PDB file of N, CA and C in Angstrom:
ATOM      1  N   MET A   1     -19.127 -10.922  16.768  1.00  0.00           N
ATOM      2  CA  MET A   1     -17.815 -10.597  16.663  1.00  0.00           C
ATOM      3  C   MET A   1     -17.229 -11.464  15.569  1.00  0.00           C
ATOM      4  N   GLY A   2     -18.218 -12.614  15.198  1.00  0.00           N
ATOM      5  CA  GLY A   2     -17.557 -13.458  13.860  1.00  0.00           C
ATOM      6  C   GLY A   2     -16.779 -14.809  15.022  1.00  0.00           C
ATOM      7  N   GLU A   3     -15.558 -15.111  14.397  1.00  0.00           N
ATOM      8  CA  GLU A   3     -15.387 -16.162  14.672  1.00  0.00           C
ATOM      9  C   GLU A   3     -14.241 -15.948  15.465  1.00  0.00           C
ATOM     10  N   LYS A   4     -14.030 -17.193  16.461  1.00  0.00           N
ATOM     11  CA  LYS A   4     -13.079 -16.727  17.786  1.00  0.00           C
ATOM     12  C   LYS A   4     -11.674 -16.602  17.328  1.00  0.00           C
ATOM     13  N   TYR A   5     -10.957 -15.692  18.135  1.00  0.00           N
ATOM     14  CA  TYR A   5      -9.929 -14.637  17.551  1.00  0.00           C
ATOM     15  C   TYR A   5      -8.807 -15.406  18.957  1.00  0.00           C
ATOM     16  N   SER A   6      -7.926 -16.632  18.556  1.00  0.00           N
ATOM     17  CA  SER A   6      -7.070 -17.092  19.078  1.00  0.00           C
ATOM     18  C   SER A   6      -6.084 -16.932  19.664  1.00  0.00           C
ATOM     19  N   LYS A   7      -4.847 -17.145  20.278  1.00  0.00           N
ATOM     20  CA  LYS A   7      -4.337 -16.253  20.687  1.00  0.00           C
ATOM     21  C   LYS A   7      -2.764 -16.757  19.490  1.00  0.00           C
ATOM     22  N   GLU A   8      -2.832 -18.082  18.976  1.00  0.00           N
ATOM     23  CA  GLU A   8      -2.167 -18.201  17.430  1.00  0.00           C
ATOM     24  C   GLU A   8      -2.294 -17.325  16.504  1.00  0.00           C
ATOM     25  N   ASP A   9      -3.694 -17.121  16.645  1.00  0.00           N
ATOM     26  CA  ASP A   9      -4.103 -16.156  15.725  1.00  0.00           C
ATOM     27  C   ASP A   9      -3.264 -15.009  15.779  1.00  0.00           C
ATOM     28  N   HIS A  10      -3.357 -14.129  16.721  1.00  0.00           N
ATOM     29  CA  HIS A  10      -2.620 -13.149  17.317  1.00  0.00           C
ATOM     30  C   HIS A  10      -1.281 -13.259  16.942  1.00  0.00           C
ATOM     31  N   ASP A  11      -0.943 -14.182  17.359  1.00  0.00           N
ATOM     32  CA  ASP A  11       1.007 -14.227  16.919  1.00  0.00           C
ATOM     33  C   ASP A  11       1.105 -14.243  15.993  1.00  0.00           C
ATOM     34  N   LYS A  12       0.130 -14.930  15.049  1.00  0.00           N
ATOM     35  CA  LYS A  12       1.008 -14.757  13.407  1.00  0.00           C
ATOM     36  C   LYS A  12       0.550 -13.449  12.763  1.00  0.00           C
ATOM     37  N   CYS A  13      -0.814 -12.687  13.409  1.00  0.00           N
ATOM     38  CA  CYS A  13      -0.527 -11.659  12.946  1.00  0.00           C
ATOM     39  C   CYS A  13       0.685 -10.397  13.313  1.00  0.00           C
ATOM     40  N   LYS A  14       0.738 -10.706  15.141  1.00  0.00           N
ATOM     41  CA  LYS A  14       2.081  -9.757  15.477  1.00  0.00           C
ATOM     42  C   LYS A  14       3.123 -10.144  14.494  1.00  0.00           C
ATOM     43  N   LYS A  15       3.740 -11.807  13.978  1.00  0.00           N
ATOM     44  CA  LYS A  15       4.936 -11.642  13.252  1.00  0.00           C
ATOM     45  C   LYS A  15       4.809 -11.002  12.149  1.00  0.00           C
ATOM     46  N   VAL A  16       3.630 -11.341  10.855  1.00  0.00           N
ATOM     47  CA  VAL A  16       3.694 -10.482   9.990  1.00  0.00           C
ATOM     48  C   VAL A  16       3.947  -9.121   9.997  1.00  0.00           C
ATOM     49  N   ALA A  17       3.003  -7.944  10.971  1.00  0.00           N
ATOM     50  CA  ALA A  17       2.934  -6.448  11.395  1.00  0.00           C
ATOM     51  C   ALA A  17       4.724  -6.626  11.420  1.00  0.00           C
ATOM     52  N   GLU A  18       5.215  -7.231  12.024  1.00  0.00           N
ATOM     53  CA  GLU A  18       6.544  -7.061  12.805  1.00  0.00           C
ATOM     54  C   GLU A  18       7.784  -6.938  11.337  1.00  0.00           C
ATOM     55  N   VAL A  19       7.234  -8.262  10.660  1.00  0.00           N
ATOM     56  CA  VAL A  19       8.118  -8.432   9.175  1.00  0.00           C
ATOM     57  C   VAL A  19       8.404  -7.135   8.670  1.00  0.00           C
ATOM     58  N   PHE A  20       7.268  -6.474   8.496  1.00  0.00           N
ATOM     59  CA  PHE A  20       6.876  -5.301   7.389  1.00  0.00           C
ATOM     60  C   PHE A  20       7.107  -4.134   8.189  1.00  0.00           C
ATOM     61  N   GLN A  21       7.968  -4.057   8.942  1.00  0.00           N
ATOM     62  CA  GLN A  21       9.106  -2.925   9.609  1.00  0.00           C
ATOM     63  C   GLN A  21       9.425  -1.641   8.489  1.00  0.00           C
ATOM     64  N   GLU A  22      10.232  -2.139   7.392  1.00  0.00           N
ATOM     65  CA  GLU A  22      10.848  -1.619   6.772  1.00  0.00           C
ATOM     66  C   GLU A  22       9.470  -0.597   5.711  1.00  0.00           C
ATOM     67  N   LEU A  23       8.604  -1.420   5.428  1.00  0.00           N
ATOM     68  CA  LEU A  23       6.933  -0.869   4.887  1.00  0.00           C
ATOM     69  C   LEU A  23       7.220   0.703   5.661  1.00  0.00           C
ATOM     70  N   TYR A  24       6.491   0.511   7.200  1.00  0.00           N
ATOM     71  CA  TYR A  24       6.155   1.631   7.663  1.00  0.00           C
ATOM     72  C   TYR A  24       7.385   2.868   7.597  1.00  0.00           C
ATOM     73  N   ASP A  25       8.644   2.296   7.649  1.00  0.00           N
ATOM     74  CA  ASP A  25       9.923   3.091   7.764  1.00  0.00           C
ATOM     75  C   ASP A  25       9.699   3.897   6.119  1.00  0.00           C
ATOM     76  N   MET A  26       9.731   3.226   5.224  1.00  0.00           N
ATOM     77  CA  MET A  26       9.607   3.768   3.752  1.00  0.00           C
ATOM     78  C   MET A  26       8.595   5.026   4.116  1.00  0.00           C
ATOM     79  N   LEU A  27       7.437   4.750   4.451  1.00  0.00           N
ATOM     80  CA  LEU A  27       6.244   5.400   3.706  1.00  0.00           C
ATOM     81  C   LEU A  27       5.644   6.155   4.802  1.00  0.00           C
ATOM     82  N   GLY A  28       6.542   6.256   6.250  1.00  0.00           N
ATOM     83  CA  GLY A  28       6.330   7.599   7.199  1.00  0.00           C
ATOM     84  C   GLY A  28       4.941   7.915   7.443  1.00  0.00           C
ATOM     85  N   ASP A  29       3.825   7.331   6.391  1.00  0.00           N
ATOM     86  CA  ASP A  29       2.505   7.520   7.025  1.00  0.00           C
ATOM     87  C   ASP A  29       1.471   6.456   7.382  1.00  0.00           C
ATOM     88  N   THR A  30       1.984   5.155   7.476  1.00  0.00           N
ATOM     89  CA  THR A  30       1.174   3.939   7.865  1.00  0.00           C
ATOM     90  C   THR A  30       2.043   2.906   8.568  1.00  0.00           C
ATOM     91  N   CYS A  31       1.255   2.065   9.633  1.00  0.00           N
ATOM     92  CA  CYS A  31       1.433   1.185  10.995  1.00  0.00           C
ATOM     93  C   CYS A  31       0.249   0.281  11.070  1.00  0.00           C
ATOM     94  N   VAL A  32       1.060  -0.218  11.817  1.00  0.00           N
ATOM     95  CA  VAL A  32       0.050  -2.107  12.181  1.00  0.00           C
ATOM     96  C   VAL A  32       0.396  -1.725  13.825  1.00  0.00           C
ATOM     97  N   LEU A  33      -1.196  -1.843  14.557  1.00  0.00           N
ATOM     98  CA  LEU A  33      -0.924  -1.714  15.515  1.00  0.00           C
ATOM     99  C   LEU A  33      -1.640  -3.174  16.323  1.00  0.00           C
ATOM    100  N   ASP A  34      -1.105  -3.610  17.268  1.00  0.00           N
ATOM    101  CA  ASP A  34      -1.898  -4.195  18.135  1.00  0.00           C
ATOM    102  C   ASP A  34      -3.278  -3.957  18.705  1.00  0.00           C
ATOM    103  N   ALA A  35      -4.656  -4.320  18.534  1.00  0.00           N
ATOM    104  CA  ALA A  35      -5.404  -3.836  19.303  1.00  0.00           C
ATOM    105  C   ALA A  35      -5.848  -5.173  20.139  1.00  0.00           C
ATOM    106  N   GLY A  36      -5.135  -5.813  20.901  1.00  0.00           N
ATOM    107  CA  GLY A  36      -5.843  -7.003  21.579  1.00  0.00           C
ATOM    108  C   GLY A  36      -6.725  -7.952  20.934  1.00  0.00           C
ATOM    109  N   GLU A  37      -7.869  -8.213  21.351  1.00  0.00           N
ATOM    110  CA  GLU A  37      -8.928  -9.089  21.103  1.00  0.00           C
ATOM    111  C   GLU A  37      -9.103  -8.765  19.838  1.00  0.00           C
ATOM    112  N   PHE A  38      -9.310  -7.674  19.360  1.00  0.00           N
ATOM    113  CA  PHE A  38     -10.102  -7.078  18.063  1.00  0.00           C
ATOM    114  C   PHE A  38      -9.228  -7.470  16.988  1.00  0.00           C
ATOM    115  N   GLY A  39      -7.849  -7.563  17.251  1.00  0.00           N
ATOM    116  CA  GLY A  39      -6.380  -7.919  16.012  1.00  0.00           C
ATOM    117  C   GLY A  39      -5.894  -6.551  16.089  1.00  0.00           C
ATOM    118  N   PHE A  40      -5.073  -6.720  14.707  1.00  0.00           N
ATOM    119  CA  PHE A  40      -4.205  -5.928  14.255  1.00  0.00           C
ATOM    120  C   PHE A  40      -5.252  -5.046  13.570  1.00  0.00           C
ATOM    121  N   VAL A  41      -4.552  -3.473  13.680  1.00  0.00           N
ATOM    122  CA  VAL A  41      -5.128  -2.254  12.777  1.00  0.00           C
ATOM    123  C   VAL A  41      -3.942  -1.787  12.093  1.00  0.00           C
ATOM    124  N   TYR A  42      -4.522  -1.761  10.789  1.00  0.00           N
ATOM    125  CA  TYR A  42      -3.722  -1.202  10.068  1.00  0.00           C
ATOM    126  C   TYR A  42      -4.028   0.280   9.412  1.00  0.00           C
ATOM    127  N   LEU A  43      -3.088   1.135   9.575  1.00  0.00           N
ATOM    128  CA  LEU A  43      -3.437   2.420   9.243  1.00  0.00           C
ATOM    129  C   LEU A  43      -2.811   2.560   8.500  1.00  0.00           C
ATOM    130  N   THR A  44      -3.469   3.630   7.255  1.00  0.00           N
ATOM    131  CA  THR A  44      -2.848   4.568   6.473  1.00  0.00           C
ATOM    132  C   THR A  44      -3.187   5.922   6.516  1.00  0.00           C
ATOM    133  N   TYR A  45      -1.945   6.691   5.464  1.00  0.00           N
ATOM    134  CA  TYR A  45      -2.528   8.560   5.474  1.00  0.00           C
ATOM    135  C   TYR A  45      -2.767   8.906   6.536  1.00  0.00           C
ATOM    136  N   TYR A  46      -1.372   8.722   7.400  1.00  0.00           N
ATOM    137  CA  TYR A  46      -1.403   9.724   8.760  1.00  0.00           C
ATOM    138  C   TYR A  46      -1.937  11.377   8.176  1.00  0.00           C
ATOM    139  N   ARG A  47      -2.361  12.070   8.719  1.00  0.00           N
ATOM    140  CA  ARG A  47      -2.422  13.502   8.366  1.00  0.00           C
ATOM    141  C   ARG A  47      -2.870  14.086   9.330  1.00  0.00           C
ATOM    142  N   GLU A  48      -1.505  14.648   9.843  1.00  0.00           N
ATOM    143  CA  GLU A  48      -0.744  16.043  10.873  1.00  0.00           C
ATOM    144  C   GLU A  48      -1.483  16.871  11.422  1.00  0.00           C
ATOM    145  N   GLN A  49      -2.521  17.204  10.216  1.00  0.00           N
ATOM    146  CA  GLN A  49      -3.320  18.655  10.514  1.00  0.00           C
ATOM    147  C   GLN A  49      -4.390  18.295  11.147  1.00  0.00           C
ATOM    148  N   LYS A  50      -5.193  16.657  11.449  1.00  0.00           N
ATOM    149  CA  LYS A  50      -6.012  16.402  11.782  1.00  0.00           C
ATOM    150  C   LYS A  50      -6.080  15.623  12.531  1.00  0.00           C
ATOM    151  N   SER A  51      -4.615  15.304  12.663  1.00  0.00           N
ATOM    152  CA  SER A  51      -3.797  13.989  13.590  1.00  0.00           C
ATOM    153  C   SER A  51      -5.055  12.606  13.471  1.00  0.00           C
ATOM    154  N   CYS A  52      -5.239  12.600  12.497  1.00  0.00           N
ATOM    155  CA  CYS A  52      -5.799  11.242  11.800  1.00  0.00           C
ATOM    156  C   CYS A  52      -5.310  10.665  11.012  1.00  0.00           C
ATOM    157  N   PHE A  53      -5.980   8.941  10.600  1.00  0.00           N
ATOM    158  CA  PHE A  53      -5.633   8.469   9.908  1.00  0.00           C
ATOM    159  C   PHE A  53      -6.646   8.470   8.982  1.00  0.00           C
ATOM    160  N   ASP A  54      -6.250   8.883   7.172  1.00  0.00           N
ATOM    161  CA  ASP A  54      -7.520   8.646   6.808  1.00  0.00           C
ATOM    162  C   ASP A  54      -8.428   7.222   6.653  1.00  0.00           C
ATOM    163  N   ARG A  55      -7.023   5.873   6.187  1.00  0.00           N
ATOM    164  CA  ARG A  55      -7.870   4.561   5.988  1.00  0.00           C
ATOM    165  C   ARG A  55      -7.555   3.331   7.432  1.00  0.00           C
ATOM    166  N   ASN A  56      -8.118   3.047   7.555  1.00  0.00           N
ATOM    167  CA  ASN A  56      -8.475   1.795   8.409  1.00  0.00           C
ATOM    168  C   ASN A  56      -8.687   0.531   8.246  1.00  0.00           C
ATOM    169  N   LYS A  57      -8.027  -0.659   8.788  1.00  0.00           N
ATOM    170  CA  LYS A  57      -8.606  -1.778   8.178  1.00  0.00           C
ATOM    171  C   LYS A  57      -8.385  -2.804   9.636  1.00  0.00           C
ATOM    172  N   VAL A  58      -9.445  -3.787   9.939  1.00  0.00           N
ATOM    173  CA  VAL A  58      -8.841  -4.339  11.358  1.00  0.00           C
ATOM    174  C   VAL A  58      -8.364  -6.188  10.617  1.00  0.00           C
ATOM    175  N   TYR A  59      -7.707  -6.658  10.757  1.00  0.00           N
ATOM    176  CA  TYR A  59      -6.997  -7.944  10.740  1.00  0.00           C
ATOM    177  C   TYR A  59      -7.206  -9.196  11.898  1.00  0.00           C
ATOM    178  N   ARG A  60      -7.643 -10.000  11.169  1.00  0.00           N
ATOM    179  CA  ARG A  60      -7.371 -11.052  12.239  1.00  0.00           C
ATOM    180  C   ARG A  60      -6.740 -12.575  12.111  1.00  0.00           C
ATOM    181  N   ASN A  61      -6.239 -12.344  10.693  1.00  0.00           N
ATOM    182  CA  ASN A  61      -6.021 -13.586   9.937  1.00  0.00           C
ATOM    183  C   ASN A  61      -4.656 -13.029   9.234  1.00  0.00           C
ATOM    184  N   ALA A  62      -3.570 -13.744   9.231  1.00  0.00           N
ATOM    185  CA  ALA A  62      -1.786 -13.215   9.367  1.00  0.00           C
ATOM    186  C   ALA A  62      -2.320 -13.391   7.749  1.00  0.00           C
ATOM    187  N   GLU A  63      -2.518 -14.459   7.127  1.00  0.00           N
ATOM    188  CA  GLU A  63      -2.422 -14.685   5.768  1.00  0.00           C
ATOM    189  C   GLU A  63      -2.713 -12.905   5.017  1.00  0.00           C
ATOM    190  N   GLU A  64      -4.162 -12.774   5.724  1.00  0.00           N
ATOM    191  CA  GLU A  64      -4.994 -11.338   4.712  1.00  0.00           C
ATOM    192  C   GLU A  64      -3.970 -10.205   5.134  1.00  0.00           C
ATOM    193  N   LEU A  65      -3.714 -10.067   6.646  1.00  0.00           N
ATOM    194  CA  LEU A  65      -2.913  -8.858   6.672  1.00  0.00           C
ATOM    195  C   LEU A  65      -1.114  -8.890   5.728  1.00  0.00           C
ATOM    196  N   PHE A  66      -0.636 -10.001   5.527  1.00  0.00           N
ATOM    197  CA  PHE A  66       0.302 -10.152   5.207  1.00  0.00           C
ATOM    198  C   PHE A  66      -0.122  -9.703   3.690  1.00  0.00           C
ATOM    199  N   GLU A  67      -0.931 -10.223   3.145  1.00  0.00           N
ATOM    200  CA  GLU A  67      -1.372  -9.866   1.441  1.00  0.00           C
ATOM    201  C   GLU A  67      -1.410  -8.150   1.566  1.00  0.00           C
ATOM    202  N   ALA A  68      -2.322  -7.973   2.715  1.00  0.00           N
ATOM    203  CA  ALA A  68      -2.270  -6.054   2.628  1.00  0.00           C
ATOM    204  C   ALA A  68      -1.115  -5.438   2.664  1.00  0.00           C
ATOM    205  N   LEU A  69      -0.176  -5.945   3.084  1.00  0.00           N
ATOM    206  CA  LEU A  69       0.956  -5.189   3.650  1.00  0.00           C
ATOM    207  C   LEU A  69       2.014  -5.650   2.476  1.00  0.00           C
ATOM    208  N   TRP A  70       1.872  -6.820   1.835  1.00  0.00           N
ATOM    209  CA  TRP A  70       2.671  -7.168   0.759  1.00  0.00           C
ATOM    210  C   TRP A  70       2.215  -6.577  -0.649  1.00  0.00           C
ATOM    211  N   ASP A  71       1.117  -5.994  -1.059  1.00  0.00           N
ATOM    212  CA  ASP A  71       0.630  -4.954  -2.008  1.00  0.00           C
ATOM    213  C   ASP A  71       1.141  -3.872  -1.807  1.00  0.00           C
ATOM    214  N   GLU A  72       0.781  -3.108  -0.598  1.00  0.00           N
ATOM    215  CA  GLU A  72       1.252  -2.002  -0.425  1.00  0.00           C
ATOM    216  C   GLU A  72       2.753  -1.474  -0.609  1.00  0.00           C
ATOM    217  N   TRP A  73       3.689  -3.007  -0.614  1.00  0.00           N
ATOM    218  CA  TRP A  73       5.265  -2.984  -0.782  1.00  0.00           C
ATOM    219  C   TRP A  73       5.313  -2.895  -1.657  1.00  0.00           C
ATOM    220  N   LEU A  74       4.603  -3.652  -2.873  1.00  0.00           N
ATOM    221  CA  LEU A  74       5.165  -3.685  -3.662  1.00  0.00           C
ATOM    222  C   LEU A  74       4.454  -2.542  -4.343  1.00  0.00           C
ATOM    223  N   TYR A  75       3.379  -2.012  -4.558  1.00  0.00           N
ATOM    224  CA  TYR A  75       3.298  -0.781  -5.078  1.00  0.00           C
ATOM    225  C   TYR A  75       3.774   0.575  -4.850  1.00  0.00           C
ATOM    226  N   SER A  76       4.345   0.389  -3.068  1.00  0.00           N
ATOM    227  CA  SER A  76       5.242   1.573  -3.104  1.00  0.00           C
ATOM    228  C   SER A  76       6.876   1.266  -4.148  1.00  0.00           C
ATOM    229  N   GLU A  77       7.149   0.293  -4.003  1.00  0.00           N
ATOM    230  CA  GLU A  77       8.181  -0.326  -4.619  1.00  0.00           C
ATOM    231  C   GLU A  77       8.605   0.114  -6.137  1.00  0.00           C
ATOM    232  N   VAL A  78       7.189  -0.070  -6.809  1.00  0.00           N
ATOM    233  CA  VAL A  78       6.852  -0.167  -8.583  1.00  0.00           C
ATOM    234  C   VAL A  78       6.989   1.232  -8.439  1.00  0.00           C
ATOM    235  N   MET A  79       5.877   2.032  -7.299  1.00  0.00           N
ATOM    236  CA  MET A  79       5.610   3.757  -8.188  1.00  0.00           C
ATOM    237  C   MET A  79       6.882   4.566  -7.617  1.00  0.00           C
ATOM    238  N   GLN A  80       7.352   4.279  -6.668  1.00  0.00           N
ATOM    239  CA  GLN A  80       8.503   5.277  -6.059  1.00  0.00           C
ATOM    240  C   GLN A  80       9.095   5.881  -7.037  1.00  0.00           C
ATOM    241  N   PRO A  81      10.164   4.807  -7.966  1.00  0.00           N
ATOM    242  CA  PRO A  81      10.648   5.330  -8.992  1.00  0.00           C
ATOM    243  C   PRO A  81      10.188   6.576  -9.897  1.00  0.00           C
ATOM    244  N   VAL A  82       8.378   6.464 -10.021  1.00  0.00           N
ATOM    245  CA  VAL A  82       8.190   7.095 -11.262  1.00  0.00           C
ATOM    246  C   VAL A  82       7.394   8.247 -10.975  1.00  0.00           C
ATOM    247  N   TYR A  83       7.147   8.818  -9.314  1.00  0.00           N
ATOM    248  CA  TYR A  83       6.284   9.164  -8.707  1.00  0.00           C
ATOM    249  C   TYR A  83       6.865  10.876  -9.361  1.00  0.00           C
ATOM    250  N   GLY A  84       5.728  11.965  -9.878  1.00  0.00           N
ATOM    251  CA  GLY A  84       6.301  12.829 -10.290  1.00  0.00           C
ATOM    252  C   GLY A  84       6.136  13.100 -11.769  1.00  0.00           C
ATOM    253  N   THR A  85       6.577  11.629 -12.835  1.00  0.00           N
ATOM    254  CA  THR A  85       6.465  11.681 -13.534  1.00  0.00           C
ATOM    255  C   THR A  85       5.487  11.359 -14.321  1.00  0.00           C
ATOM    256  N   GLU A  86       5.287  11.729 -15.914  1.00  0.00           N
ATOM    257  CA  GLU A  86       4.224  11.327 -16.696  1.00  0.00           C
ATOM    258  C   GLU A  86       4.282  10.022 -16.434  1.00  0.00           C
ATOM    259  N   ASP A  87       5.335   9.114 -16.273  1.00  0.00           N
ATOM    260  CA  ASP A  87       4.990   7.621 -16.221  1.00  0.00           C
ATOM    261  C   ASP A  87       4.070   7.202 -15.195  1.00  0.00           C
ATOM    262  N   ALA A  88       4.348   7.335 -14.325  1.00  0.00           N
ATOM    263  CA  ALA A  88       3.646   7.570 -13.148  1.00  0.00           C
ATOM    264  C   ALA A  88       1.933   7.729 -13.797  1.00  0.00           C
ATOM    265  N   GLU A  89       1.439   8.519 -15.014  1.00  0.00           N
ATOM    266  CA  GLU A  89       0.127   8.170 -14.910  1.00  0.00           C
ATOM    267  C   GLU A  89      -0.342   7.141 -15.433  1.00  0.00           C
ATOM    268  N   ALA A  90       0.294   5.931 -15.781  1.00  0.00           N
ATOM    269  CA  ALA A  90       0.110   4.744 -16.095  1.00  0.00           C
ATOM    270  C   ALA A  90      -0.791   3.992 -15.361  1.00  0.00           C
ATOM    271  N   GLY A  91      -0.050   4.347 -14.373  1.00  0.00           N
ATOM    272  CA  GLY A  91      -0.852   3.232 -13.067  1.00  0.00           C
ATOM    273  C   GLY A  91       0.079   2.122 -12.523  1.00  0.00           C
ATOM    274  N   PHE A  92      -0.103   1.558 -11.610  1.00  0.00           N
ATOM    275  CA  PHE A  92       0.600   0.314 -11.032  1.00  0.00           C
ATOM    276  C   PHE A  92       0.710  -0.675 -12.267  1.00  0.00           C
ATOM    277  N   GLU A  93      -0.663  -1.177 -12.688  1.00  0.00           N
ATOM    278  CA  GLU A  93      -0.661  -2.887 -13.623  1.00  0.00           C
ATOM    279  C   GLU A  93       0.305  -2.166 -14.868  1.00  0.00           C
ATOM    280  N   GLU A  94      -0.124  -1.471 -15.500  1.00  0.00           N
ATOM    281  CA  GLU A  94       0.599  -0.571 -16.576  1.00  0.00           C
ATOM    282  C   GLU A  94       2.690  -0.873 -16.679  1.00  0.00           C
ATOM    283  N   ILE A  95       2.453  -0.081 -15.421  1.00  0.00           N
ATOM    284  CA  ILE A  95       4.291  -0.128 -14.932  1.00  0.00           C
ATOM    285  C   ILE A  95       4.876  -1.234 -14.698  1.00  0.00           C
ATOM    286  N   TYR A  96       4.085  -2.305 -13.949  1.00  0.00           N
ATOM    287  CA  TYR A  96       4.240  -3.329 -13.339  1.00  0.00           C
ATOM    288  C   TYR A  96       4.419  -4.385 -14.817  1.00  0.00           C
ATOM    289  N   ARG A  97       3.245  -4.416 -15.522  1.00  0.00           N
ATOM    290  CA  ARG A  97       3.639  -5.309 -16.647  1.00  0.00           C
ATOM    291  C   ARG A  97       4.934  -5.132 -17.189  1.00  0.00           C
ATOM    292  N   LYS A  98       5.349  -3.369 -17.726  1.00  0.00           N
ATOM    293  CA  LYS A  98       6.530  -3.245 -18.642  1.00  0.00           C
ATOM    294  C   LYS A  98       7.691  -3.415 -17.891  1.00  0.00           C
ATOM    295  N   LEU A  99       8.031  -4.084 -16.078  1.00  0.00           N
ATOM    296  CA  LEU A  99       8.877  -4.110 -15.784  1.00  0.00           C
ATOM    297  C   LEU A  99       9.610  -5.669 -16.590  1.00  0.00           C
ATOM    298  N   PRO A 100      11.061  -5.987 -16.442  1.00  0.00           N
ATOM    299  CA  PRO A 100      11.432  -6.814 -16.960  1.00  0.00           C
ATOM    300  C   PRO A 100      11.208  -7.806 -16.093  1.00  0.00           C
ATOM    301  N   ASP A 101      11.640  -9.312 -16.875  1.00  0.00           N
ATOM    302  CA  ASP A 101      11.074 -10.583 -15.848  1.00  0.00           C
ATOM    303  C   ASP A 101      12.193 -10.365 -14.471  1.00  0.00           C
ATOM    304  N   GLU A 102      13.384  -9.950 -15.032  1.00  0.00           N
ATOM    305  CA  GLU A 102      14.320 -10.501 -13.642  1.00  0.00           C
ATOM    306  C   GLU A 102      13.860  -9.456 -12.873  1.00  0.00           C
ATOM    307  N   ARG A 103      13.602  -8.353 -12.917  1.00  0.00           N
ATOM    308  CA  ARG A 103      12.573  -7.321 -11.931  1.00  0.00           C
ATOM    309  C   ARG A 103      11.705  -8.134 -11.318  1.00  0.00           C
ATOM    310  N   LYS A 104      10.683  -8.326 -12.083  1.00  0.00           N
ATOM    311  CA  LYS A 104       9.452  -9.559 -11.023  1.00  0.00           C
ATOM    312  C   LYS A 104      10.178 -10.500 -10.348  1.00  0.00           C
ATOM    313  N   GLN A 105      10.852 -10.821 -11.295  1.00  0.00           N
ATOM    314  CA  GLN A 105      11.770 -12.052 -10.478  1.00  0.00           C
ATOM    315  C   GLN A 105      12.214 -12.054  -8.794  1.00  0.00           C
ATOM    316  N   GLU A 106      12.716 -10.503  -8.900  1.00  0.00           N
ATOM    317  CA  GLU A 106      13.173 -10.174  -7.823  1.00  0.00           C
ATOM    318  C   GLU A 106      11.981 -10.124  -6.822  1.00  0.00           C
ATOM    319  N   TYR A 107      11.444  -9.262  -7.323  1.00  0.00           N
ATOM    320  CA  TYR A 107       9.946  -9.046  -6.296  1.00  0.00           C
ATOM    321  C   TYR A 107       9.399 -10.775  -5.733  1.00  0.00           C
ATOM    322  N   ALA A 108       9.632 -11.481  -6.493  1.00  0.00           N
ATOM    323  CA  ALA A 108       8.839 -12.772  -6.355  1.00  0.00           C
ATOM    324  C   ALA A 108       9.519 -13.595  -4.999  1.00  0.00           C
ATOM    325  N   VAL A 109      11.503 -13.363  -5.338  1.00  0.00           N
ATOM    326  CA  VAL A 109      11.862 -13.765  -3.946  1.00  0.00           C
ATOM    327  C   VAL A 109      11.691 -12.804  -2.523  1.00  0.00           C
ATOM    328  N   ARG A 110      12.143 -11.888  -2.703  1.00  0.00           N
ATOM    329  CA  ARG A 110      11.436 -10.501  -1.561  1.00  0.00           C
ATOM    330  C   ARG A 110       9.992 -11.431  -0.926  1.00  0.00           C
ATOM    331  N   LYS A 111       9.117 -11.757  -1.553  1.00  0.00           N
ATOM    332  CA  LYS A 111       7.942 -11.887  -0.951  1.00  0.00           C
ATOM    333  C   LYS A 111       7.999 -12.995  -0.696  1.00  0.00           C
ATOM    334  N   GLN A 112       8.947 -14.088  -1.128  1.00  0.00           N
ATOM    335  CA  GLN A 112       8.689 -15.714  -0.149  1.00  0.00           C
ATOM    336  C   GLN A 112      10.034 -14.888   1.088  1.00  0.00           C
ATOM    337  N   GLN A 113      10.874 -14.171   0.668  1.00  0.00           N
ATOM    338  CA  GLN A 113      11.430 -13.973   2.236  1.00  0.00           C
ATOM    339  C   GLN A 113      10.471 -13.334   3.092  1.00  0.00           C
ATOM    340  N   PHE A 114       9.789 -12.329   3.111  1.00  0.00           N
ATOM    341  CA  PHE A 114       8.351 -11.647   3.878  1.00  0.00           C
ATOM    342  C   PHE A 114       8.247 -13.401   4.545  1.00  0.00           C
ATOM    343  N   MET A 115       7.684 -14.031   3.499  1.00  0.00           N
ATOM    344  CA  MET A 115       6.745 -15.020   4.045  1.00  0.00           C
ATOM    345  C   MET A 115       7.333 -15.756   5.101  1.00  0.00           C
ATOM    346  N   ASP A 116       8.876 -16.247   4.880  1.00  0.00           N
ATOM    347  CA  ASP A 116       9.316 -16.663   5.483  1.00  0.00           C
ATOM    348  C   ASP A 116       9.692 -16.393   6.726  1.00  0.00           C
ATOM    349  N   LEU A 117      10.181 -15.305   6.958  1.00  0.00           N
ATOM    350  CA  LEU A 117      10.225 -14.038   8.168  1.00  0.00           C
ATOM    351  C   LEU A 117       8.839 -13.821   9.152  1.00  0.00           C
ATOM    352  N   ALA A 118       7.726 -13.993   8.398  1.00  0.00           N
ATOM    353  CA  ALA A 118       6.629 -14.118   9.072  1.00  0.00           C
ATOM    354  C   ALA A 118       6.101 -15.561   9.309  1.00  0.00           C
ATOM    355  N   GLU A 119       7.033 -16.986   9.072  1.00  0.00           N
ATOM    356  CA  GLU A 119       6.344 -17.856   8.865  1.00  0.00           C
ATOM    357  C   GLU A 119       5.303 -18.451   8.564  1.00  0.00           C
ATOM    358  N   LEU A 120       4.830 -18.089   7.350  1.00  0.00           N
ATOM    359  CA  LEU A 120       3.778 -18.277   6.361  1.00  0.00           C
ATOM    360  C   LEU A 120       4.067 -19.178   5.432  1.00  0.00           C
ATOM    361  N   ASN A 121       3.570 -19.972   5.093  1.00  0.00           N
ATOM    362  CA  ASN A 121       3.725 -21.261   4.033  1.00  0.00           C
ATOM    363  C   ASN A 121       2.661 -20.668   2.895  1.00  0.00           C
ATOM    364  N   PRO A 122       3.417 -20.811   1.816  1.00  0.00           N
ATOM    365  CA  PRO A 122       2.648 -20.020   0.567  1.00  0.00           C
ATOM    366  C   PRO A 122       1.102 -20.879   0.598  1.00  0.00           C
ATOM    367  N   GLU A 123       0.449 -20.147  -0.033  1.00  0.00           N
ATOM    368  CA  GLU A 123      -0.708 -21.255  -0.434  1.00  0.00           C
ATOM    369  C   GLU A 123      -0.546 -21.582  -1.891  1.00  0.00           C
TER     370      GLU A 123
END
């Protein structure tokens, strides 16, 4: 099963999972569940017809869980305003690149706020 998953690791992951509650609320088809000794399971793309999630990944490292959730949060924030438009075809990277520097700075500040709430130190 790899490295030992300590209570400290578990508690850090739990804190990260709690910090991103707004992401789960925003998307509606995503959640992170405590799987005990296995870690935290990040479930995405719930399909009601099949009663299942299309993707899942287990995290035992708080920093890795944070980055996965942050990436999803940022993607959603950047792409949500352009869903259903021709602009969406450009894709995340291109849309993000064209954002004003002030907006990018707002995202950097928000990331730091999430990190502070999760009690993580920047790498």
